[in-house]
Amino acid sequence: MNKLEFLHWLQGYENSLGRWKVNMLKEETGPYIMGCFKNSNNEYVVYENDEHNHNIVFTTTNQSEAYNELRDMIIFEVRNNKGYI
């Protein structure tokens, strides 16, 4: 899935994310943020921040792989942790 497809898909989950935010513009270091951005090496970087750590989860040159990974992370969070609502 590309970025536009991901944004369309995400609309169905926005109210289920609880305290998590999703950012796809740049890397952020605040708590409870998942995201994907393109770095200076033209790689897509998927990351998540909890309350203490900033974790790079996945790096790839393939946009579809990156947004699929981010989608899977969101699905996991909604199904298993309910966003800690």
N, C-alpha and C. Protein backbone atom coordinates (compact mmCIF):
# COMPACT_ATOMS: atom_id res chain seq x y z
N MET A 1 0.85 -1.17 0.00
CA MET A 1 0.00 0.00 0.00
C MET A 1 0.90 1.23 0.00
N ASN A 2 0.52 2.21 -0.79
CA ASN A 2 1.31 3.45 -0.81
C ASN A 2 0.77 4.41 0.25
N LYS A 3 1.38 5.58 0.34
CA LYS A 3 1.02 6.53 1.39
C LYS A 3 -0.44 6.98 1.30
N LEU A 4 -0.93 7.26 0.10
CA LEU A 4 -2.33 7.69 -0.05
C LEU A 4 -3.30 6.58 0.33
N GLU A 5 -3.00 5.36 -0.06
CA GLU A 5 -3.84 4.21 0.32
C GLU A 5 -3.82 4.04 1.84
N PHE A 6 -2.65 4.22 2.44
CA PHE A 6 -2.54 4.11 3.89
C PHE A 6 -3.40 5.17 4.58
N LEU A 7 -3.31 6.41 4.13
CA LEU A 7 -4.10 7.49 4.73
C LEU A 7 -5.59 7.19 4.65
N HIS A 8 -6.03 6.66 3.53
CA HIS A 8 -7.44 6.29 3.37
C HIS A 8 -7.79 5.16 4.35
N TRP A 9 -6.94 4.16 4.45
CA TRP A 9 -7.16 3.04 5.35
C TRP A 9 -7.21 3.52 6.81
N LEU A 10 -6.31 4.42 7.17
CA LEU A 10 -6.19 4.89 8.55
C LEU A 10 -7.45 5.58 9.05
N GLN A 11 -8.22 6.17 8.18
CA GLN A 11 -9.45 6.86 8.59
C GLN A 11 -10.38 5.93 9.37
N GLY A 12 -10.36 4.65 9.05
CA GLY A 12 -11.22 3.71 9.75
C GLY A 12 -10.73 3.34 11.15
N TYR A 13 -9.51 3.72 11.49
CA TYR A 13 -8.92 3.34 12.77
C TYR A 13 -8.63 4.51 13.69
N GLU A 14 -8.79 5.73 13.21
CA GLU A 14 -8.39 6.90 13.99
C GLU A 14 -9.05 6.96 15.37
N ASN A 15 -10.28 6.54 15.49
CA ASN A 15 -10.98 6.60 16.77
C ASN A 15 -10.65 5.42 17.68
N SER A 16 -9.84 4.47 17.19
CA SER A 16 -9.51 3.28 17.97
C SER A 16 -8.08 3.28 18.48
N LEU A 17 -7.35 4.35 18.26
CA LEU A 17 -5.93 4.37 18.58
C LEU A 17 -5.64 4.81 20.02
N GLY A 18 -6.62 5.25 20.74
CA GLY A 18 -6.39 5.67 22.12
C GLY A 18 -5.37 6.79 22.19
N ARG A 19 -4.35 6.59 23.00
CA ARG A 19 -3.34 7.64 23.18
C ARG A 19 -2.29 7.68 22.09
N TRP A 20 -2.31 6.73 21.17
CA TRP A 20 -1.33 6.70 20.09
C TRP A 20 -1.66 7.72 19.01
N LYS A 21 -0.62 8.31 18.44
CA LYS A 21 -0.75 9.22 17.30
C LYS A 21 0.04 8.61 16.15
N VAL A 22 -0.36 8.93 14.94
CA VAL A 22 0.35 8.46 13.75
C VAL A 22 0.87 9.67 13.00
N ASN A 23 2.16 9.67 12.70
CA ASN A 23 2.79 10.78 11.99
C ASN A 23 3.53 10.24 10.78
N MET A 24 3.31 10.86 9.64
CA MET A 24 3.98 10.42 8.42
C MET A 24 4.73 11.55 7.73
N LEU A 25 4.96 12.64 8.44
CA LEU A 25 5.67 13.76 7.84
C LEU A 25 7.15 13.77 8.18
N LYS A 26 7.47 13.47 9.44
CA LYS A 26 8.85 13.52 9.89
C LYS A 26 8.98 12.63 11.13
N GLU A 27 10.19 12.40 11.54
CA GLU A 27 10.43 11.62 12.74
C GLU A 27 10.14 12.48 13.97
N GLU A 28 9.41 11.92 14.91
CA GLU A 28 9.10 12.62 16.15
C GLU A 28 9.56 11.80 17.33
N THR A 29 9.87 12.47 18.42
CA THR A 29 10.39 11.77 19.58
C THR A 29 9.45 11.79 20.78
N GLY A 30 8.28 12.34 20.65
CA GLY A 30 7.34 12.36 21.77
C GLY A 30 6.79 10.98 22.06
N PRO A 31 6.13 10.82 23.21
CA PRO A 31 5.59 9.51 23.58
C PRO A 31 4.36 9.13 22.76
N TYR A 32 4.21 7.83 22.58
CA TYR A 32 3.05 7.23 21.93
C TYR A 32 2.81 7.74 20.52
N ILE A 33 3.85 7.67 19.72
CA ILE A 33 3.76 8.04 18.32
C ILE A 33 4.29 6.88 17.48
N MET A 34 3.53 6.51 16.46
CA MET A 34 3.98 5.57 15.43
C MET A 34 4.07 6.37 14.15
N GLY A 35 5.02 6.01 13.31
CA GLY A 35 5.10 6.77 12.08
C GLY A 35 6.01 6.15 11.05
N CYS A 36 6.05 6.83 9.93
CA CYS A 36 6.88 6.44 8.80
C CYS A 36 7.34 7.73 8.13
N PHE A 37 8.62 7.79 7.82
CA PHE A 37 9.14 8.96 7.12
C PHE A 37 10.24 8.50 6.17
N LYS A 38 10.56 9.34 5.23
CA LYS A 38 11.62 9.06 4.27
C LYS A 38 12.86 9.82 4.71
N ASN A 39 13.96 9.09 4.94
CA ASN A 39 15.17 9.74 5.43
C ASN A 39 16.04 10.27 4.28
N SER A 40 17.18 10.82 4.61
CA SER A 40 18.05 11.43 3.60
C SER A 40 18.69 10.41 2.66
N ASN A 41 18.63 9.14 3.02
CA ASN A 41 19.14 8.06 2.15
C ASN A 41 18.04 7.47 1.27
N ASN A 42 16.89 8.15 1.20
CA ASN A 42 15.74 7.68 0.43
C ASN A 42 15.22 6.33 0.93
N GLU A 43 15.32 6.12 2.23
CA GLU A 43 14.78 4.92 2.85
C GLU A 43 13.54 5.32 3.65
N TYR A 44 12.57 4.43 3.66
CA TYR A 44 11.39 4.63 4.50
C TYR A 44 11.68 4.00 5.85
N VAL A 45 11.50 4.78 6.89
CA VAL A 45 11.79 4.34 8.25
C VAL A 45 10.47 4.28 9.03
N VAL A 46 10.15 3.12 9.55
CA VAL A 46 8.96 2.93 10.38
C VAL A 46 9.42 2.89 11.83
N TYR A 47 8.78 3.67 12.68
CA TYR A 47 9.21 3.76 14.07
C TYR A 47 8.02 3.83 15.01
N GLU A 48 8.30 3.58 16.28
CA GLU A 48 7.30 3.78 17.32
C GLU A 48 8.00 4.28 18.58
N ASN A 49 7.31 5.13 19.30
CA ASN A 49 7.81 5.65 20.56
C ASN A 49 6.82 5.25 21.64
N ASP A 50 7.34 4.63 22.70
CA ASP A 50 6.49 4.46 23.87
C ASP A 50 6.84 5.58 24.84
N GLU A 51 6.51 5.41 26.10
CA GLU A 51 6.77 6.51 27.03
C GLU A 51 8.25 6.72 27.33
N HIS A 52 9.10 5.70 27.03
CA HIS A 52 10.51 5.81 27.38
C HIS A 52 11.46 5.67 26.19
N ASN A 53 11.07 4.99 25.15
CA ASN A 53 12.00 4.61 24.09
C ASN A 53 11.53 5.05 22.70
N HIS A 54 12.51 5.31 21.87
CA HIS A 54 12.27 5.57 20.44
C HIS A 54 12.85 4.37 19.70
N ASN A 55 12.00 3.64 19.00
CA ASN A 55 12.42 2.40 18.35
C ASN A 55 12.23 2.46 16.84
N ILE A 56 13.32 2.23 16.12
CA ILE A 56 13.22 2.04 14.67
C ILE A 56 12.80 0.59 14.47
N VAL A 57 11.64 0.39 13.88
CA VAL A 57 11.09 -0.95 13.74
C VAL A 57 11.49 -1.58 12.41
N PHE A 58 11.56 -0.76 11.37
CA PHE A 58 11.74 -1.32 10.03
C PHE A 58 12.28 -0.23 9.12
N THR A 59 13.23 -0.60 8.27
CA THR A 59 13.78 0.32 7.28
C THR A 59 13.81 -0.38 5.94
N THR A 60 13.36 0.32 4.89
CA THR A 60 13.30 -0.27 3.56
C THR A 60 13.32 0.84 2.51
N THR A 61 13.65 0.49 1.30
CA THR A 61 13.55 1.44 0.19
C THR A 61 12.21 1.33 -0.52
N ASN A 62 11.38 0.38 -0.10
CA ASN A 62 10.09 0.12 -0.73
C ASN A 62 8.96 0.75 0.08
N GLN A 63 8.29 1.73 -0.51
CA GLN A 63 7.21 2.44 0.18
C GLN A 63 6.09 1.50 0.62
N SER A 64 5.71 0.58 -0.23
CA SER A 64 4.63 -0.34 0.08
C SER A 64 4.97 -1.20 1.30
N GLU A 65 6.19 -1.70 1.36
CA GLU A 65 6.60 -2.50 2.52
C GLU A 65 6.53 -1.69 3.81
N ALA A 66 6.96 -0.44 3.74
CA ALA A 66 6.96 0.41 4.93
C ALA A 66 5.54 0.66 5.43
N TYR A 67 4.64 1.03 4.55
CA TYR A 67 3.28 1.34 5.00
C TYR A 67 2.51 0.08 5.39
N ASN A 68 2.84 -1.05 4.80
CA ASN A 68 2.24 -2.31 5.24
C ASN A 68 2.69 -2.63 6.67
N GLU A 69 3.96 -2.40 6.97
CA GLU A 69 4.46 -2.64 8.32
C GLU A 69 3.78 -1.71 9.33
N LEU A 70 3.65 -0.44 8.99
CA LEU A 70 2.98 0.50 9.88
C LEU A 70 1.51 0.11 10.08
N ARG A 71 0.86 -0.30 9.02
CA ARG A 71 -0.53 -0.77 9.13
C ARG A 71 -0.62 -1.96 10.08
N ASP A 72 0.30 -2.91 9.95
CA ASP A 72 0.28 -4.08 10.83
C ASP A 72 0.52 -3.70 12.29
N MET A 73 1.37 -2.72 12.53
CA MET A 73 1.61 -2.24 13.89
C MET A 73 0.33 -1.64 14.48
N ILE A 74 -0.38 -0.88 13.68
CA ILE A 74 -1.63 -0.26 14.16
C ILE A 74 -2.67 -1.33 14.44
N ILE A 75 -2.81 -2.28 13.55
CA ILE A 75 -3.78 -3.37 13.76
C ILE A 75 -3.45 -4.11 15.06
N PHE A 76 -2.17 -4.41 15.27
CA PHE A 76 -1.77 -5.09 16.50
C PHE A 76 -2.15 -4.26 17.72
N GLU A 77 -1.88 -3.00 17.70
CA GLU A 77 -2.17 -2.13 18.84
C GLU A 77 -3.67 -2.08 19.12
N VAL A 78 -4.46 -1.96 18.09
CA VAL A 78 -5.92 -1.89 18.28
C VAL A 78 -6.45 -3.21 18.80
N ARG A 79 -6.00 -4.33 18.25
CA ARG A 79 -6.52 -5.64 18.66
C ARG A 79 -6.04 -6.06 20.06
N ASN A 80 -4.80 -5.80 20.38
CA ASN A 80 -4.21 -6.34 21.59
C ASN A 80 -4.18 -5.38 22.76
N ASN A 81 -3.98 -4.14 22.50
CA ASN A 81 -3.83 -3.17 23.59
C ASN A 81 -4.96 -2.17 23.65
N LYS A 82 -5.79 -2.17 22.66
CA LYS A 82 -6.95 -1.28 22.59
C LYS A 82 -6.53 0.18 22.75
N GLY A 83 -5.28 0.49 22.38
CA GLY A 83 -4.81 1.85 22.46
C GLY A 83 -4.70 2.39 23.88
N TYR A 84 -4.91 1.52 24.86
CA TYR A 84 -4.89 1.93 26.27
C TYR A 84 -5.86 3.09 26.50
N ILE A 85 -7.04 2.94 25.97
CA ILE A 85 -8.06 4.00 26.07
C ILE A 85 -8.46 4.18 27.52
